[in-house]
Amino acid sequence: MRLEDIKYDFPKMPKEMRDMIEREVEKQIKVEQPQFAKNRRRTGRIAAASLAAVMLCGTTVFAGVGIYRMQQEKVGAHGVNVSISGDTENTSDSGAMVETQKTLTIPNVKLEVGYLPEGMVKTEHGKYSYENARNKGGVSMAFFRMDNGDDKFQVQHGDVAASEDISVNGHDAVYLQYPNLYEEDITFNQRIYVAFTDVHYVMEMYVASDVSKEEAVKIAEGVKLVPTEDLKDEDLVVAQNWSEYQEHADEAQSVEYVSKASISKEEMKNTHKIGDSLSLGEGLEAKVSKVQVADDIGLLDASLLDEDFKKEVDENGKLRPATIQYVKDGGMDNLSEEVKAREAAQKLVYATVEYTNTTQKEMTDVLFSADLPRIAEVDGKMQIVEEEQPGEGEEWQRAINHGLSSFWEMTYYDVHGGERGNNYIASIKPGETVTVHVAWIVLEEELDNLYLNLDPSGGCYEFDDTSLATGYVDIRQ
């Protein structure tokens, strides 16, 4: 996998889901703040980056010898603390409990999953989903190596609708369930923690709403962590050391990061019009030659559409309106709840982009991307237009768009290449031009704020230097 196309190797993900994942990374150690607090994107990135960099090696630690138990403890009306506690084995002559120190070697382990519901398949290591909802629901397993002792594990969650101490295949576990406010969507509204104290690992299993509690427990019961010395085993578990996770979470809490969502008009002077050519570097030029707006998806190749796209149209092929839900977040003493909802018209935006090789050498496996940030002039500055914000006196805290218009990355493209058959042009010969069609679904009310970012290393949700140097394309309607 190439680093630069990671964002298109994973399933499409709306902004609020990105924020949720990053919040999940940082909330594991500290007492959880409101579950969907805003503006923590950078914090999650730091912790997530540390997780990706974990080295595969056995760990030797000193830890108390005893009987460990994972259990939950209620915190407020809807908060839950999940921890592992230990009872020491030895007693001094005076009867006082003393902890015996012993050197523990934490082995590398491989993952064995002995049960999957009918129709569920493996999509990648530790991730399983139903064939009819591939990469959308199912279960996703993450692991922690308890290098500083099993009894150091502790996480706290708010907005918990139900919780239960359970046992899975002889291991203590805790089941958590969160509110599911929009049942038409598949959401990861369940969690199972399992303590594998025999090998000193903890599993955190994210469970989607398309998996019943009963089936989720059966999946967890079938999980085995088998010690292995083969570091090339395809089922080898890559786990985060708990001590490192704590350390990076603490560091992330102290990092103050301000998203670059507002810039001067001068900084955006290198903006292009439809029909302009722009350089993407190394002799590759791009030109947005045409932009079309439609009420249906007739411009798209039906063979390339997934179920998400098909759900966006009615029986006449017209785009359905998006449901926008206004939610008050839950916490330790309350559950998330819908305050209000509305419907908003959606449009298809379809762009024709021409890529030209201006060099004397053939280009192969040419990465392309097309993000569609919403940008508006506010008080003399150019500003990324993010989600709606509540007005004074309003009770809701988050606006959630349940339509495909929540995705700012390209949701459709008709040229596929590379080893994964995704957003690559297989070959562009010297002087040749290859045409790619890309598309998004947007809210009709956003049409006058649309800019196109063709920089593969850029993004949607904040300004960055490379995208500004390349220049955005003004496609406002």
Protein backbone atom coordinates (compact mmCIF):
# COMPACT_ATOMS: atom_id res chain seq x y z
CA MET A 1 0.00 0.00 0.00
CA ARG A 2 1.28 3.45 -0.84
CA LEU A 3 1.11 6.07 1.86
CA GLU A 4 -0.30 8.77 -0.40
CA ASP A 5 -3.45 6.83 -1.31
CA ILE A 6 -4.34 5.52 2.12
CA LYS A 7 -7.35 7.84 2.31
CA TYR A 8 -8.91 6.09 -0.69
CA ASP A 9 -8.00 2.55 0.39
CA PHE A 10 -10.40 2.78 3.31
CA PRO A 11 -14.21 3.01 3.16
CA LYS A 12 -15.78 6.42 2.58
CA MET A 13 -16.06 8.23 5.86
CA PRO A 14 -17.99 11.42 6.68
CA LYS A 15 -16.37 14.14 8.74
CA GLU A 16 -18.30 13.40 11.91
CA MET A 17 -17.17 9.77 11.70
CA ARG A 18 -13.54 10.86 11.30
CA ASP A 19 -13.89 13.05 14.38
CA MET A 20 -15.51 10.19 16.29
CA ILE A 21 -12.64 7.81 15.54
CA GLU A 22 -10.08 10.39 16.61
CA ARG A 23 -12.03 11.02 19.81
CA GLU A 24 -12.12 7.28 20.43
CA VAL A 25 -8.32 7.19 20.33
CA GLU A 26 -7.95 9.89 22.95
CA LYS A 27 -10.79 8.91 25.27
CA GLN A 28 -9.45 5.47 26.18
CA ILE A 29 -7.30 6.67 29.05
CA LYS A 30 -8.87 9.79 30.48
CA VAL A 31 -12.29 10.26 31.96
CA GLU A 32 -14.41 10.78 28.91
CA GLN A 33 -15.65 14.22 28.10
CA PRO A 34 -18.92 14.57 26.17
CA GLN A 35 -18.67 11.79 23.62
CA PHE A 36 -18.72 14.02 20.57
CA ALA A 37 -16.75 17.10 21.67
CA LYS A 38 -15.48 19.15 18.73
CA ASN A 39 -12.11 20.33 17.42
CA ARG A 40 -9.95 17.42 18.58
CA ARG A 41 -8.85 16.19 15.18
CA ARG A 42 -5.14 16.78 15.82
CA THR A 43 -5.19 14.98 19.18
CA GLY A 44 -6.47 11.80 17.63
CA ARG A 45 -3.95 11.97 14.82
CA ILE A 46 -1.04 12.00 17.26
CA ALA A 47 -2.26 8.94 19.15
CA ALA A 48 -3.26 7.13 15.98
CA ALA A 49 0.16 7.75 14.49
CA SER A 50 1.82 6.25 17.55
CA LEU A 51 -0.42 3.20 17.27
CA ALA A 52 0.66 2.66 13.67
CA ALA A 53 4.32 2.78 14.66
CA VAL A 54 4.27 -0.02 17.25
CA MET A 55 7.13 -2.51 16.86
CA LEU A 56 6.48 -6.23 16.91
CA CYS A 57 8.46 -7.65 19.80
CA GLY A 58 7.90 -9.71 22.90
CA THR A 59 7.79 -7.79 26.16
CA THR A 60 9.25 -8.68 29.56
CA VAL A 61 7.76 -6.90 32.56
CA PHE A 62 7.58 -7.15 36.34
CA ALA A 63 4.02 -7.52 37.57
CA GLY A 64 2.14 -8.69 40.60
CA VAL A 65 1.11 -12.33 40.53
CA GLY A 66 -2.54 -12.84 41.30
CA ILE A 67 -6.00 -13.50 40.01
CA TYR A 68 -7.10 -10.73 37.68
CA ARG A 69 -10.65 -9.84 36.86
CA MET A 70 -12.13 -7.45 34.33
CA GLN A 71 -15.31 -5.77 35.49
CA GLN A 72 -17.46 -2.70 35.01
CA GLU A 73 -18.40 -0.02 37.49
CA LYS A 74 -21.24 2.44 37.00
CA VAL A 75 -20.32 6.12 36.93
CA GLY A 76 -23.36 8.36 37.12
CA ALA A 77 -26.54 7.35 35.33
CA HIS A 78 -24.94 6.45 31.98
CA GLY A 79 -21.20 6.23 32.57
CA VAL A 80 -19.21 3.02 32.87
CA ASN A 81 -15.67 2.42 34.08
CA VAL A 82 -14.07 -0.77 32.69
CA SER A 83 -10.98 -1.98 34.53
CA ILE A 84 -8.95 -5.01 35.50
CA SER A 85 -8.26 -5.58 39.18
CA GLY A 86 -6.03 -8.21 40.80
CA ASP A 87 -6.10 -10.18 44.02
CA THR A 88 -2.60 -11.07 45.21
CA GLU A 89 -1.76 -14.62 46.15
CA ASN A 90 0.55 -14.44 49.17
CA THR A 91 0.00 -13.27 52.74
CA SER A 92 2.67 -12.19 55.22
CA ASP A 93 2.98 -13.70 58.68
CA SER A 94 1.00 -10.79 60.09
CA GLY A 95 -1.85 -11.50 57.72
CA ALA A 96 -1.28 -8.45 55.55
CA MET A 97 -1.65 -9.00 51.81
CA VAL A 98 1.61 -8.64 49.91
CA GLU A 99 2.15 -8.63 46.18
CA THR A 100 4.61 -11.10 44.71
CA GLN A 101 6.71 -9.69 41.91
CA LYS A 102 7.43 -11.99 38.98
CA THR A 103 8.99 -11.49 35.61
CA LEU A 104 6.34 -11.98 32.93
CA THR A 105 7.15 -12.43 29.28
CA ILE A 106 4.37 -11.21 27.02
CA PRO A 107 4.46 -13.31 23.86
CA ASN A 108 3.68 -12.33 20.33
CA VAL A 109 0.34 -13.88 19.46
CA LYS A 110 -1.64 -14.72 16.37
CA LEU A 111 -5.37 -14.21 16.04
CA GLU A 112 -7.70 -17.15 15.53
CA VAL A 113 -11.41 -16.50 15.05
CA GLY A 114 -13.43 -19.67 15.44
CA TYR A 115 -16.91 -18.34 14.70
CA LEU A 116 -18.46 -15.93 12.23
CA PRO A 117 -22.21 -15.55 11.59
CA GLU A 118 -23.55 -16.83 8.29
CA GLY A 119 -22.76 -14.36 5.52
CA MET A 120 -19.95 -12.60 7.41
CA VAL A 121 -16.51 -12.57 5.81
CA LYS A 122 -13.03 -11.37 6.67
CA THR A 123 -12.24 -8.05 4.96
CA GLU A 124 -8.80 -7.51 6.49
CA HIS A 125 -6.88 -8.53 9.59
CA GLY A 126 -9.21 -8.31 12.60
CA LYS A 127 -12.09 -6.88 10.54
CA TYR A 128 -15.18 -8.80 9.48
CA SER A 129 -18.40 -7.67 7.82
CA TYR A 130 -21.42 -9.12 6.08
CA GLU A 131 -20.99 -9.61 2.35
CA ASN A 132 -23.98 -7.36 1.63
CA ALA A 133 -22.47 -4.57 3.76
CA ARG A 134 -18.77 -5.09 3.11
CA ASN A 135 -16.50 -2.61 4.93
CA LYS A 136 -19.51 -0.88 6.51
CA GLY A 137 -20.59 -2.87 9.55
CA GLY A 138 -19.65 -6.11 11.25
CA VAL A 139 -16.93 -6.19 13.89
CA SER A 140 -13.46 -4.70 14.16
CA MET A 141 -10.90 -5.95 16.70
CA ALA A 142 -8.11 -3.95 18.30
CA PHE A 143 -5.63 -5.20 20.88
CA PHE A 144 -3.56 -3.78 23.73
CA ARG A 145 -0.45 -5.45 25.16
CA MET A 146 -0.54 -4.92 28.94
CA ASP A 147 3.18 -4.30 29.27
CA ASN A 148 2.86 -2.46 32.59
CA GLY A 149 0.59 -5.06 34.17
CA ASP A 150 -2.90 -6.36 33.49
CA ASP A 151 -4.30 -4.37 36.39
CA LYS A 152 -3.27 -1.08 34.77
CA PHE A 153 -6.08 -1.35 32.22
CA GLN A 154 -8.84 1.20 32.75
CA VAL A 155 -11.16 3.02 30.35
CA GLN A 156 -14.24 5.11 30.97
CA HIS A 157 -17.20 5.68 28.68
CA GLY A 158 -20.22 7.93 28.82
CA ASP A 159 -23.45 7.79 26.83
CA VAL A 160 -23.85 4.09 27.67
CA ALA A 161 -27.39 2.78 27.21
CA ALA A 162 -26.68 -0.71 28.56
CA SER A 163 -23.72 -2.61 30.00
CA GLU A 164 -23.08 -6.09 31.31
CA ASP A 165 -20.30 -8.18 32.81
CA ILE A 166 -19.99 -11.33 30.70
CA SER A 167 -17.67 -14.30 30.29
CA VAL A 168 -16.39 -15.41 26.89
CA ASN A 169 -14.65 -18.75 26.63
CA GLY A 170 -13.39 -18.48 30.21
CA HIS A 171 -12.23 -14.87 29.88
CA ASP A 172 -13.79 -11.95 31.76
CA ALA A 173 -15.41 -9.42 29.46
CA VAL A 174 -17.65 -6.36 29.47
CA TYR A 175 -20.37 -5.56 26.92
CA LEU A 176 -21.39 -1.94 26.24
CA GLN A 177 -24.19 -0.56 24.10
CA TYR A 178 -24.67 3.04 22.99
CA PRO A 179 -27.76 4.81 21.61
CA ASN A 180 -28.52 4.27 17.93
CA LEU A 181 -30.38 7.42 16.96
CA TYR A 182 -30.74 6.70 13.26
CA GLU A 183 -31.60 3.07 12.65
CA GLU A 184 -31.45 3.37 8.86
CA ASP A 185 -27.66 3.73 9.10
CA ILE A 186 -25.18 1.10 10.21
CA THR A 187 -23.33 2.49 13.22
CA PHE A 188 -20.79 1.01 15.61
CA ASN A 189 -22.99 1.31 18.68
CA GLN A 190 -21.65 -1.66 20.67
CA ARG A 191 -18.34 -2.55 22.29
CA ILE A 192 -16.90 -5.66 23.92
CA TYR A 193 -13.74 -5.66 26.04
CA VAL A 194 -12.11 -9.04 26.74
CA ALA A 195 -9.23 -9.67 29.17
CA PHE A 196 -6.80 -12.31 27.90
CA THR A 197 -4.78 -12.29 31.12
CA ASP A 198 -3.13 -15.62 30.28
CA VAL A 199 -1.12 -13.85 27.58
CA HIS A 200 -1.56 -10.31 28.98
CA TYR A 201 -3.59 -8.75 26.17
CA VAL A 202 -6.90 -6.90 26.12
CA MET A 203 -9.18 -7.01 23.10
CA GLU A 204 -11.46 -4.10 22.25
CA MET A 205 -14.06 -5.26 19.75
CA TYR A 206 -16.14 -2.62 17.97
CA VAL A 207 -19.53 -4.04 17.00
CA ALA A 208 -21.87 -2.49 14.42
CA SER A 209 -25.63 -2.25 14.64
CA ASP A 210 -26.06 -4.91 11.94
CA VAL A 211 -24.68 -7.50 14.39
CA SER A 212 -26.88 -8.66 17.26
CA LYS A 213 -25.54 -8.76 20.80
CA GLU A 214 -25.89 -12.54 20.79
CA GLU A 215 -23.87 -12.94 17.61
CA ALA A 216 -21.25 -10.47 18.83
CA VAL A 217 -20.74 -12.47 22.01
CA LYS A 218 -20.41 -15.68 19.96
CA ILE A 219 -17.74 -14.03 17.81
CA ALA A 220 -15.85 -12.92 20.93
CA GLU A 221 -16.15 -16.42 22.39
CA GLY A 222 -14.44 -17.81 19.30
CA VAL A 223 -11.42 -15.51 19.54
CA LYS A 224 -8.15 -17.14 20.57
CA LEU A 225 -4.75 -15.51 20.99
CA VAL A 226 -2.14 -18.17 20.30
CA PRO A 227 1.53 -17.50 21.15
CA THR A 228 3.78 -17.58 18.10
CA GLU A 229 7.42 -16.93 17.23
CA ASP A 230 6.66 -16.44 13.55
CA LEU A 231 6.70 -12.68 13.04
CA LYS A 232 5.71 -13.15 9.39
CA ASP A 233 2.47 -14.95 10.23
CA GLU A 234 -0.36 -13.18 8.38
CA ASP A 235 -2.54 -13.52 11.50
CA LEU A 236 0.04 -11.94 13.82
CA VAL A 237 -1.59 -9.45 16.18
CA VAL A 238 -0.14 -5.93 16.06
CA ALA A 239 -0.96 -4.56 19.50
CA GLN A 240 -0.33 -1.22 21.12
CA ASN A 241 1.68 -1.32 24.35
CA TRP A 242 -0.66 0.00 27.02
CA SER A 243 2.07 2.11 28.65
CA GLU A 244 2.84 3.80 25.32
CA TYR A 245 -0.83 4.32 24.67
CA GLN A 246 -1.19 6.05 28.03
CA GLU A 247 1.90 8.15 27.39
CA HIS A 248 0.79 9.34 23.97
CA ALA A 249 -2.73 10.00 25.19
CA ASP A 250 -1.30 12.19 27.95
CA GLU A 251 0.87 14.01 25.40
CA ALA A 252 -2.10 14.50 23.13
CA GLN A 253 -4.08 16.05 25.94
CA SER A 254 -1.40 18.73 26.29
CA VAL A 255 -1.14 19.53 22.57
CA GLU A 256 -2.94 22.67 21.53
CA TYR A 257 -3.77 22.58 17.84
CA VAL A 258 -5.72 25.13 15.86
CA SER A 259 -7.06 23.88 12.55
CA LYS A 260 -6.16 26.08 9.57
CA ALA A 261 -9.74 26.62 8.51
CA SER A 262 -9.47 30.35 7.77
CA ILE A 263 -6.94 32.19 5.60
CA SER A 264 -6.56 35.57 3.95
CA LYS A 265 -7.84 36.13 0.43
CA GLU A 266 -4.24 36.78 -0.62
CA GLU A 267 -3.24 33.24 0.41
CA MET A 268 -5.87 31.88 -1.95
CA LYS A 269 -4.91 34.03 -4.90
CA ASN A 270 -3.75 30.98 -6.88
CA THR A 271 -7.33 29.88 -7.54
CA HIS A 272 -8.20 28.47 -10.97
CA LYS A 273 -11.28 28.63 -13.14
CA ILE A 274 -12.93 25.77 -15.01
CA GLY A 275 -10.81 25.25 -18.14
CA ASP A 276 -7.51 26.37 -16.57
CA SER A 277 -4.53 24.01 -16.53
CA LEU A 278 -2.70 23.51 -13.26
CA SER A 279 0.54 21.73 -12.45
CA LEU A 280 0.53 18.73 -10.13
CA GLY A 281 4.31 18.43 -10.28
CA GLU A 282 6.80 16.26 -12.17
CA GLY A 283 5.32 17.20 -15.53
CA LEU A 284 1.74 16.18 -14.79
CA GLU A 285 -0.92 18.76 -15.61
CA ALA A 286 -4.62 18.67 -14.79
CA LYS A 287 -7.57 20.60 -16.15
CA VAL A 288 -11.19 20.62 -15.03
CA SER A 289 -12.80 20.94 -18.44
CA LYS A 290 -16.46 20.61 -17.46
CA VAL A 291 -18.71 20.56 -14.40
CA GLN A 292 -22.34 19.43 -14.50
CA VAL A 293 -25.04 19.51 -11.84
CA ALA A 294 -27.98 17.10 -11.91
CA ASP A 295 -31.00 15.97 -9.89
CA ASP A 296 -30.33 12.30 -10.66
CA ILE A 297 -27.40 9.93 -11.20
CA GLY A 298 -27.94 9.35 -14.91
CA LEU A 299 -24.48 10.74 -15.72
CA LEU A 300 -22.82 7.89 -13.83
CA ASP A 301 -21.84 4.44 -15.04
CA ALA A 302 -24.35 2.19 -13.25
CA SER A 303 -21.87 -0.69 -13.14
CA LEU A 304 -19.60 1.36 -10.86
CA LEU A 305 -22.26 2.31 -8.31
CA ASP A 306 -22.38 0.72 -4.87
CA GLU A 307 -25.43 0.25 -2.67
CA ASP A 308 -24.83 3.57 -0.92
CA PHE A 309 -25.30 5.42 -4.18
CA LYS A 310 -28.36 3.41 -5.14
CA LYS A 311 -30.04 4.22 -1.82
CA GLU A 312 -29.78 7.92 -2.60
CA VAL A 313 -32.32 7.78 -5.44
CA ASP A 314 -36.08 7.13 -5.51
CA GLU A 315 -38.07 4.85 -7.81
CA ASN A 316 -37.87 7.50 -10.55
CA GLY A 317 -34.09 7.76 -10.33
CA LYS A 318 -34.18 11.20 -8.67
CA LEU A 319 -31.95 12.03 -5.74
CA ARG A 320 -33.67 11.78 -2.39
CA PRO A 321 -33.26 14.58 0.16
CA ALA A 322 -30.72 14.06 2.93
CA THR A 323 -31.93 13.74 6.49
CA ILE A 324 -30.05 16.08 8.81
CA GLN A 325 -30.33 15.19 12.47
CA TYR A 326 -29.63 17.63 15.30
CA VAL A 327 -28.33 15.78 18.34
CA LYS A 328 -27.68 16.61 21.96
CA ASP A 329 -24.70 14.58 23.10
CA GLY A 330 -24.76 12.11 25.94
CA GLY A 331 -22.33 11.87 28.82
CA MET A 332 -21.95 10.28 32.22
CA ASP A 333 -25.47 11.23 33.30
CA ASN A 334 -27.45 11.36 30.07
CA LEU A 335 -27.89 9.63 26.71
CA SER A 336 -27.56 11.24 23.31
CA GLU A 337 -30.91 12.33 21.95
CA GLU A 338 -32.37 13.85 18.80
CA VAL A 339 -33.54 17.42 19.29
CA LYS A 340 -34.88 17.95 15.77
CA ALA A 341 -34.40 16.83 12.17
CA ARG A 342 -34.93 18.24 8.70
CA GLU A 343 -34.66 17.20 5.05
CA ALA A 344 -32.36 19.00 2.61
CA ALA A 345 -32.30 18.65 -1.19
CA GLN A 346 -29.27 16.94 -2.73
CA LYS A 347 -27.60 17.41 -6.12
CA LEU A 348 -25.08 15.42 -8.13
CA VAL A 349 -21.91 17.31 -9.07
CA TYR A 350 -20.07 15.63 -11.97
CA ALA A 351 -16.66 16.86 -13.11
CA THR A 352 -14.57 16.00 -16.16
CA VAL A 353 -10.85 16.17 -15.34
CA GLU A 354 -8.10 15.84 -17.96
CA TYR A 355 -4.62 14.66 -16.93
CA THR A 356 -1.77 15.37 -19.37
CA ASN A 357 1.78 14.04 -19.37
CA THR A 358 3.98 16.96 -20.50
CA THR A 359 7.25 15.00 -20.19
CA GLN A 360 9.12 12.77 -22.63
CA LYS A 361 8.68 9.66 -20.47
CA GLU A 362 5.70 7.42 -19.84
CA MET A 363 4.04 7.85 -16.45
CA THR A 364 2.67 4.73 -14.75
CA ASP A 365 0.39 4.23 -11.76
CA VAL A 366 -0.51 7.91 -11.58
CA LEU A 367 -2.38 8.70 -8.39
CA PHE A 368 -5.34 11.07 -8.69
CA SER A 369 -7.78 12.46 -6.15
CA ALA A 370 -10.50 15.07 -6.09
CA ASP A 371 -11.80 16.53 -2.84
CA LEU A 372 -14.60 19.05 -2.66
CA PRO A 373 -14.15 21.45 0.27
CA ARG A 374 -16.83 24.03 0.94
CA ILE A 375 -15.20 27.48 1.11
CA ALA A 376 -16.87 30.84 1.71
CA GLU A 377 -15.73 34.42 2.22
CA VAL A 378 -16.44 35.44 5.81
CA ASP A 379 -15.44 38.85 7.17
CA GLY A 380 -12.89 39.35 4.40
CA LYS A 381 -11.27 35.94 4.83
CA MET A 382 -11.65 32.62 3.06
CA GLN A 383 -13.03 30.01 5.41
CA ILE A 384 -13.75 26.28 5.29
CA VAL A 385 -17.48 25.89 5.86
CA GLU A 386 -17.91 23.04 8.32
CA GLU A 387 -21.02 21.62 9.95
CA GLU A 388 -23.80 23.80 11.27
CA GLN A 389 -23.29 25.27 14.72
CA PRO A 390 -26.09 25.72 17.27
CA GLY A 391 -27.39 29.20 17.87
CA GLU A 392 -27.81 30.83 21.25
CA GLY A 393 -30.33 28.95 23.37
CA GLU A 394 -30.45 25.87 21.13
CA GLU A 395 -30.07 22.50 22.87
CA TRP A 396 -28.47 20.48 20.08
CA GLN A 397 -24.69 20.16 19.77
CA ARG A 398 -24.10 18.26 16.52
CA ALA A 399 -25.70 18.31 13.08
CA ILE A 400 -25.40 14.91 11.39
CA ASN A 401 -25.99 14.61 7.66
CA HIS A 402 -27.12 11.05 6.88
CA GLY A 403 -26.90 11.47 3.09
CA LEU A 404 -23.95 10.88 0.78
CA SER A 405 -23.58 14.65 0.75
CA SER A 406 -21.72 14.23 4.05
CA PHE A 407 -18.71 12.92 2.09
CA TRP A 408 -16.40 15.64 0.80
CA GLU A 409 -13.98 13.18 -0.82
CA MET A 410 -14.84 11.88 -4.29
CA THR A 411 -17.51 9.20 -4.02
CA TYR A 412 -17.33 8.15 -7.68
CA TYR A 413 -14.58 7.89 -10.30
CA ASP A 414 -14.56 5.95 -13.56
CA VAL A 415 -10.85 5.17 -14.00
CA HIS A 416 -9.31 2.44 -11.86
CA GLY A 417 -5.77 1.11 -11.67
CA GLY A 418 -2.91 0.16 -9.41
CA GLU A 419 -2.56 -3.03 -7.43
CA ARG A 420 -5.88 -2.45 -5.66
CA GLY A 421 -7.83 -1.25 -8.64
CA ASN A 422 -8.54 2.12 -7.09
CA ASN A 423 -7.72 5.76 -7.86
CA TYR A 424 -4.76 5.29 -10.21
CA ILE A 425 -4.29 5.89 -13.92
CA ALA A 426 -2.37 2.87 -15.17
CA SER A 427 -0.38 4.76 -17.83
CA ILE A 428 -0.09 8.18 -19.46
CA LYS A 429 2.26 8.25 -22.43
CA PRO A 430 4.32 11.35 -23.35
CA GLY A 431 1.97 14.06 -24.61
CA GLU A 432 -1.09 11.92 -23.89
CA THR A 433 -4.20 13.16 -22.07
CA VAL A 434 -6.36 10.80 -19.99
CA THR A 435 -9.87 11.85 -19.00
CA VAL A 436 -11.32 10.94 -15.61
CA HIS A 437 -14.88 11.60 -14.47
CA VAL A 438 -15.42 12.16 -10.76
CA ALA A 439 -18.60 12.88 -8.84
CA TRP A 440 -20.00 13.85 -5.47
CA ILE A 441 -23.44 14.28 -3.98
CA VAL A 442 -23.81 17.66 -2.27
CA LEU A 443 -26.52 19.61 -0.53
CA GLU A 444 -28.21 22.05 -2.89
CA GLU A 445 -27.63 24.78 -0.33
CA GLU A 446 -23.85 24.21 -0.67
CA LEU A 447 -23.58 24.75 -4.43
CA ASP A 448 -22.33 28.32 -4.06
CA ASN A 449 -19.41 27.23 -1.83
CA LEU A 450 -17.81 24.45 -3.89
CA TYR A 451 -14.09 24.39 -4.67
CA LEU A 452 -12.21 21.44 -6.13
CA ASN A 453 -8.87 20.28 -4.73
CA LEU A 454 -6.92 18.05 -7.15
CA ASP A 455 -3.79 17.84 -4.99
CA PRO A 456 -3.38 14.14 -4.01
CA SER A 457 -1.63 15.09 -0.78
CA GLY A 458 -4.24 17.66 0.20
CA GLY A 459 -7.54 17.35 2.00
CA CYS A 460 -10.99 18.76 2.59
CA TYR A 461 -11.33 20.03 6.10
CA GLU A 462 -8.53 22.55 6.42
CA PHE A 463 -6.20 24.55 4.19
CA ASP A 464 -2.70 23.18 3.63
CA ASP A 465 0.34 24.66 1.93
CA THR A 466 0.61 22.14 -0.91
CA SER A 467 -3.02 22.55 -1.93
CA LEU A 468 -2.74 26.33 -1.80
CA ALA A 469 0.40 26.18 -3.95
CA THR A 470 -1.31 23.91 -6.48
CA GLY A 471 -4.43 26.04 -6.34
CA TYR A 472 -8.07 25.19 -5.81
CA VAL A 473 -10.50 25.18 -8.74
CA ASP A 474 -13.54 27.42 -8.30
CA ILE A 475 -16.58 25.39 -9.40
CA ARG A 476 -19.22 27.37 -7.52
CA GLN A 477 -22.64 27.18 -9.14
